[in-house]
Amino acid sequence: MTKFANVTVAVVATLLMAGTMSFAQTSGEAIYKSKCTNCHGATGMSDTAMAKALKVKPVTDPSVKNMGLAEMIQVTRNGMGKMQPYKGTLTDVQIKGSVEYFRTFLK
């Protein structure tokens, strides 16, 4: 019985750790880095070649800076201008997390 309990604890611990790793990989920061940095840059300054080619505004631009969280979520979900919509590609939780991470560059 003790061996069974030890195996059970080991399996449960492994599953919990796997779930935690999975969650960490889908954090807002990870989503932003994988989906957004090509156009918005690592710090939201739109300092990439793609950003320059598409004329993406940096996070410091008043038109971006003055957007609220809900508006940024809508833009990310539905797209805007040359920005592709992420509805159907990312979950609402992933979109919100990536927008919240992007907004950290405002400070």
C-alpha atoms as a PDB file:
ATOM      1  CA  MET A   1       0.000   0.000   0.000  1.00  0.00           C
ATOM      2  CA  THR A   2       2.858   2.414   0.759  1.00  0.00           C
ATOM      3  CA  LYS A   3       4.438   1.867  -2.649  1.00  0.00           C
ATOM      4  CA  PHE A   4       1.063   2.626  -4.288  1.00  0.00           C
ATOM      5  CA  ALA A   5       0.763   5.870  -2.280  1.00  0.00           C
ATOM      6  CA  ASN A   6       4.283   6.937  -3.283  1.00  0.00           C
ATOM      7  CA  VAL A   7       3.567   6.277  -6.958  1.00  0.00           C
ATOM      8  CA  THR A   8       0.271   8.162  -6.727  1.00  0.00           C
ATOM      9  CA  VAL A   9       1.947  11.178  -5.111  1.00  0.00           C
ATOM     10  CA  ALA A  10       4.668  11.149  -7.772  1.00  0.00           C
ATOM     11  CA  VAL A  11       2.106  11.021 -10.592  1.00  0.00           C
ATOM     12  CA  VAL A  12       0.003  13.804  -9.095  1.00  0.00           C
ATOM     13  CA  ALA A  13       3.083  15.991  -8.535  1.00  0.00           C
ATOM     14  CA  THR A  14       4.208  15.428 -12.126  1.00  0.00           C
ATOM     15  CA  LEU A  15       0.790  16.371 -13.479  1.00  0.00           C
ATOM     16  CA  LEU A  16       0.664  19.509 -11.347  1.00  0.00           C
ATOM     17  CA  MET A  17       4.117  20.574 -12.506  1.00  0.00           C
ATOM     18  CA  ALA A  18       3.182  19.941 -16.139  1.00  0.00           C
ATOM     19  CA  GLY A  19       0.073  22.075 -15.703  1.00  0.00           C
ATOM     20  CA  THR A  20       2.124  24.864 -14.166  1.00  0.00           C
ATOM     21  CA  MET A  21       4.637  24.776 -17.022  1.00  0.00           C
ATOM     22  CA  SER A  22       1.810  24.861 -19.530  1.00  0.00           C
ATOM     23  CA  PHE A  23       0.308  27.893 -17.803  1.00  0.00           C
ATOM     24  CA  ALA A  24       3.655  29.702 -17.733  1.00  0.00           C
ATOM     25  CA  GLN A  25       4.077  29.197 -21.466  1.00  0.00           C
ATOM     26  CA  THR A  26       0.733  30.832 -22.183  1.00  0.00           C
ATOM     27  CA  SER A  27       1.308  33.885 -20.004  1.00  0.00           C
ATOM     28  CA  GLY A  28       0.677  37.316 -21.455  1.00  0.00           C
ATOM     29  CA  GLU A  29       4.403  37.933 -21.723  1.00  0.00           C
ATOM     30  CA  ALA A  30       4.988  34.683 -23.620  1.00  0.00           C
ATOM     31  CA  ILE A  31       2.085  35.368 -25.986  1.00  0.00           C
ATOM     32  CA  TYR A  32       3.325  38.914 -26.593  1.00  0.00           C
ATOM     33  CA  LYS A  33       6.840  37.694 -27.294  1.00  0.00           C
ATOM     34  CA  SER A  34       5.668  35.010 -29.716  1.00  0.00           C
ATOM     35  CA  LYS A  35       2.928  36.922 -31.538  1.00  0.00           C
ATOM     36  CA  CYS A  36       3.527  40.659 -31.135  1.00  0.00           C
ATOM     37  CA  THR A  37       7.227  41.541 -31.014  1.00  0.00           C
ATOM     38  CA  ASN A  38       7.742  41.321 -34.781  1.00  0.00           C
ATOM     39  CA  CYS A  39       5.596  44.404 -35.232  1.00  0.00           C
ATOM     40  CA  HIS A  40       5.494  46.090 -31.818  1.00  0.00           C
ATOM     41  CA  GLY A  41       9.058  45.393 -30.702  1.00  0.00           C
ATOM     42  CA  ALA A  42      10.349  43.839 -27.499  1.00  0.00           C
ATOM     43  CA  THR A  43       9.500  46.981 -25.507  1.00  0.00           C
ATOM     44  CA  GLY A  44       6.523  48.281 -27.467  1.00  0.00           C
ATOM     45  CA  MET A  45       8.615  50.888 -29.271  1.00  0.00           C
ATOM     46  CA  SER A  46       7.889  49.531 -32.771  1.00  0.00           C
ATOM     47  CA  ASP A  47      11.608  49.449 -33.478  1.00  0.00           C
ATOM     48  CA  THR A  48      11.677  46.416 -35.764  1.00  0.00           C
ATOM     49  CA  ALA A  49      12.044  46.339 -39.528  1.00  0.00           C
ATOM     50  CA  MET A  50       8.479  45.019 -39.832  1.00  0.00           C
ATOM     51  CA  ALA A  51       7.159  47.827 -37.627  1.00  0.00           C
ATOM     52  CA  LYS A  52       8.911  50.438 -39.739  1.00  0.00           C
ATOM     53  CA  ALA A  53       7.630  48.909 -42.966  1.00  0.00           C
ATOM     54  CA  LEU A  54       4.052  48.813 -41.641  1.00  0.00           C
ATOM     55  CA  LYS A  55       4.372  52.178 -39.850  1.00  0.00           C
ATOM     56  CA  VAL A  56       3.295  50.709 -36.509  1.00  0.00           C
ATOM     57  CA  LYS A  57       2.988  53.382 -33.826  1.00  0.00           C
ATOM     58  CA  PRO A  58       5.043  52.941 -30.644  1.00  0.00           C
ATOM     59  CA  VAL A  59       3.440  52.584 -27.228  1.00  0.00           C
ATOM     60  CA  THR A  60       4.471  56.193 -26.504  1.00  0.00           C
ATOM     61  CA  ASP A  61       2.381  57.594 -29.370  1.00  0.00           C
ATOM     62  CA  PRO A  62      -0.608  59.489 -27.903  1.00  0.00           C
ATOM     63  CA  SER A  63      -3.095  57.536 -30.046  1.00  0.00           C
ATOM     64  CA  VAL A  64      -1.808  54.290 -28.510  1.00  0.00           C
ATOM     65  CA  LYS A  65      -1.048  55.645 -25.047  1.00  0.00           C
ATOM     66  CA  ASN A  66      -4.582  56.982 -24.614  1.00  0.00           C
ATOM     67  CA  MET A  67      -6.298  53.692 -25.496  1.00  0.00           C
ATOM     68  CA  GLY A  68      -7.942  51.939 -22.582  1.00  0.00           C
ATOM     69  CA  LEU A  69      -7.519  48.273 -21.781  1.00  0.00           C
ATOM     70  CA  ALA A  70     -10.903  47.328 -23.277  1.00  0.00           C
ATOM     71  CA  GLU A  71     -10.172  49.184 -26.516  1.00  0.00           C
ATOM     72  CA  MET A  72      -6.758  47.521 -26.876  1.00  0.00           C
ATOM     73  CA  ILE A  73      -8.358  44.125 -26.291  1.00  0.00           C
ATOM     74  CA  GLN A  74     -10.924  44.858 -29.013  1.00  0.00           C
ATOM     75  CA  VAL A  75      -8.197  45.954 -31.452  1.00  0.00           C
ATOM     76  CA  THR A  76      -6.199  42.808 -30.724  1.00  0.00           C
ATOM     77  CA  ARG A  77      -9.276  40.626 -31.066  1.00  0.00           C
ATOM     78  CA  ASN A  78     -10.638  42.212 -34.263  1.00  0.00           C
ATOM     79  CA  GLY A  79      -7.563  43.756 -35.863  1.00  0.00           C
ATOM     80  CA  MET A  80      -7.079  47.349 -36.965  1.00  0.00           C
ATOM     81  CA  GLY A  81      -5.511  48.772 -40.079  1.00  0.00           C
ATOM     82  CA  LYS A  82      -2.818  46.339 -41.144  1.00  0.00           C
ATOM     83  CA  MET A  83      -2.918  44.449 -37.840  1.00  0.00           C
ATOM     84  CA  GLN A  84      -4.441  41.010 -38.216  1.00  0.00           C
ATOM     85  CA  PRO A  85      -7.258  39.932 -35.899  1.00  0.00           C
ATOM     86  CA  TYR A  86      -6.346  37.342 -33.277  1.00  0.00           C
ATOM     87  CA  LYS A  87      -9.935  36.233 -32.592  1.00  0.00           C
ATOM     88  CA  GLY A  88      -9.957  32.509 -33.211  1.00  0.00           C
ATOM     89  CA  THR A  89      -6.153  32.296 -32.995  1.00  0.00           C
ATOM     90  CA  LEU A  90      -5.842  33.298 -29.334  1.00  0.00           C
ATOM     91  CA  THR A  91      -8.311  32.839 -26.501  1.00  0.00           C
ATOM     92  CA  ASP A  92      -9.832  35.863 -24.785  1.00  0.00           C
ATOM     93  CA  VAL A  93      -7.617  35.135 -21.767  1.00  0.00           C
ATOM     94  CA  GLN A  94      -4.493  35.078 -23.962  1.00  0.00           C
ATOM     95  CA  ILE A  95      -5.496  38.307 -25.706  1.00  0.00           C
ATOM     96  CA  LYS A  96      -6.138  40.046 -22.391  1.00  0.00           C
ATOM     97  CA  GLY A  97      -2.848  38.787 -20.971  1.00  0.00           C
ATOM     98  CA  SER A  98      -0.825  39.953 -23.962  1.00  0.00           C
ATOM     99  CA  VAL A  99      -2.507  43.377 -23.890  1.00  0.00           C
ATOM    100  CA  GLU A 100      -1.872  43.690 -20.159  1.00  0.00           C
ATOM    101  CA  TYR A 101       1.783  42.856 -20.759  1.00  0.00           C
ATOM    102  CA  PHE A 102       1.975  45.415 -23.611  1.00  0.00           C
ATOM    103  CA  ARG A 103       0.481  48.047 -21.290  1.00  0.00           C
ATOM    104  CA  THR A 104       3.380  47.546 -18.849  1.00  0.00           C
ATOM    105  CA  PHE A 105       5.478  49.461 -21.387  1.00  0.00           C
ATOM    106  CA  LEU A 106       3.322  52.543 -20.756  1.00  0.00           C
ATOM    107  CA  LYS A 107       4.850  53.023 -17.302  1.00  0.00           C
END
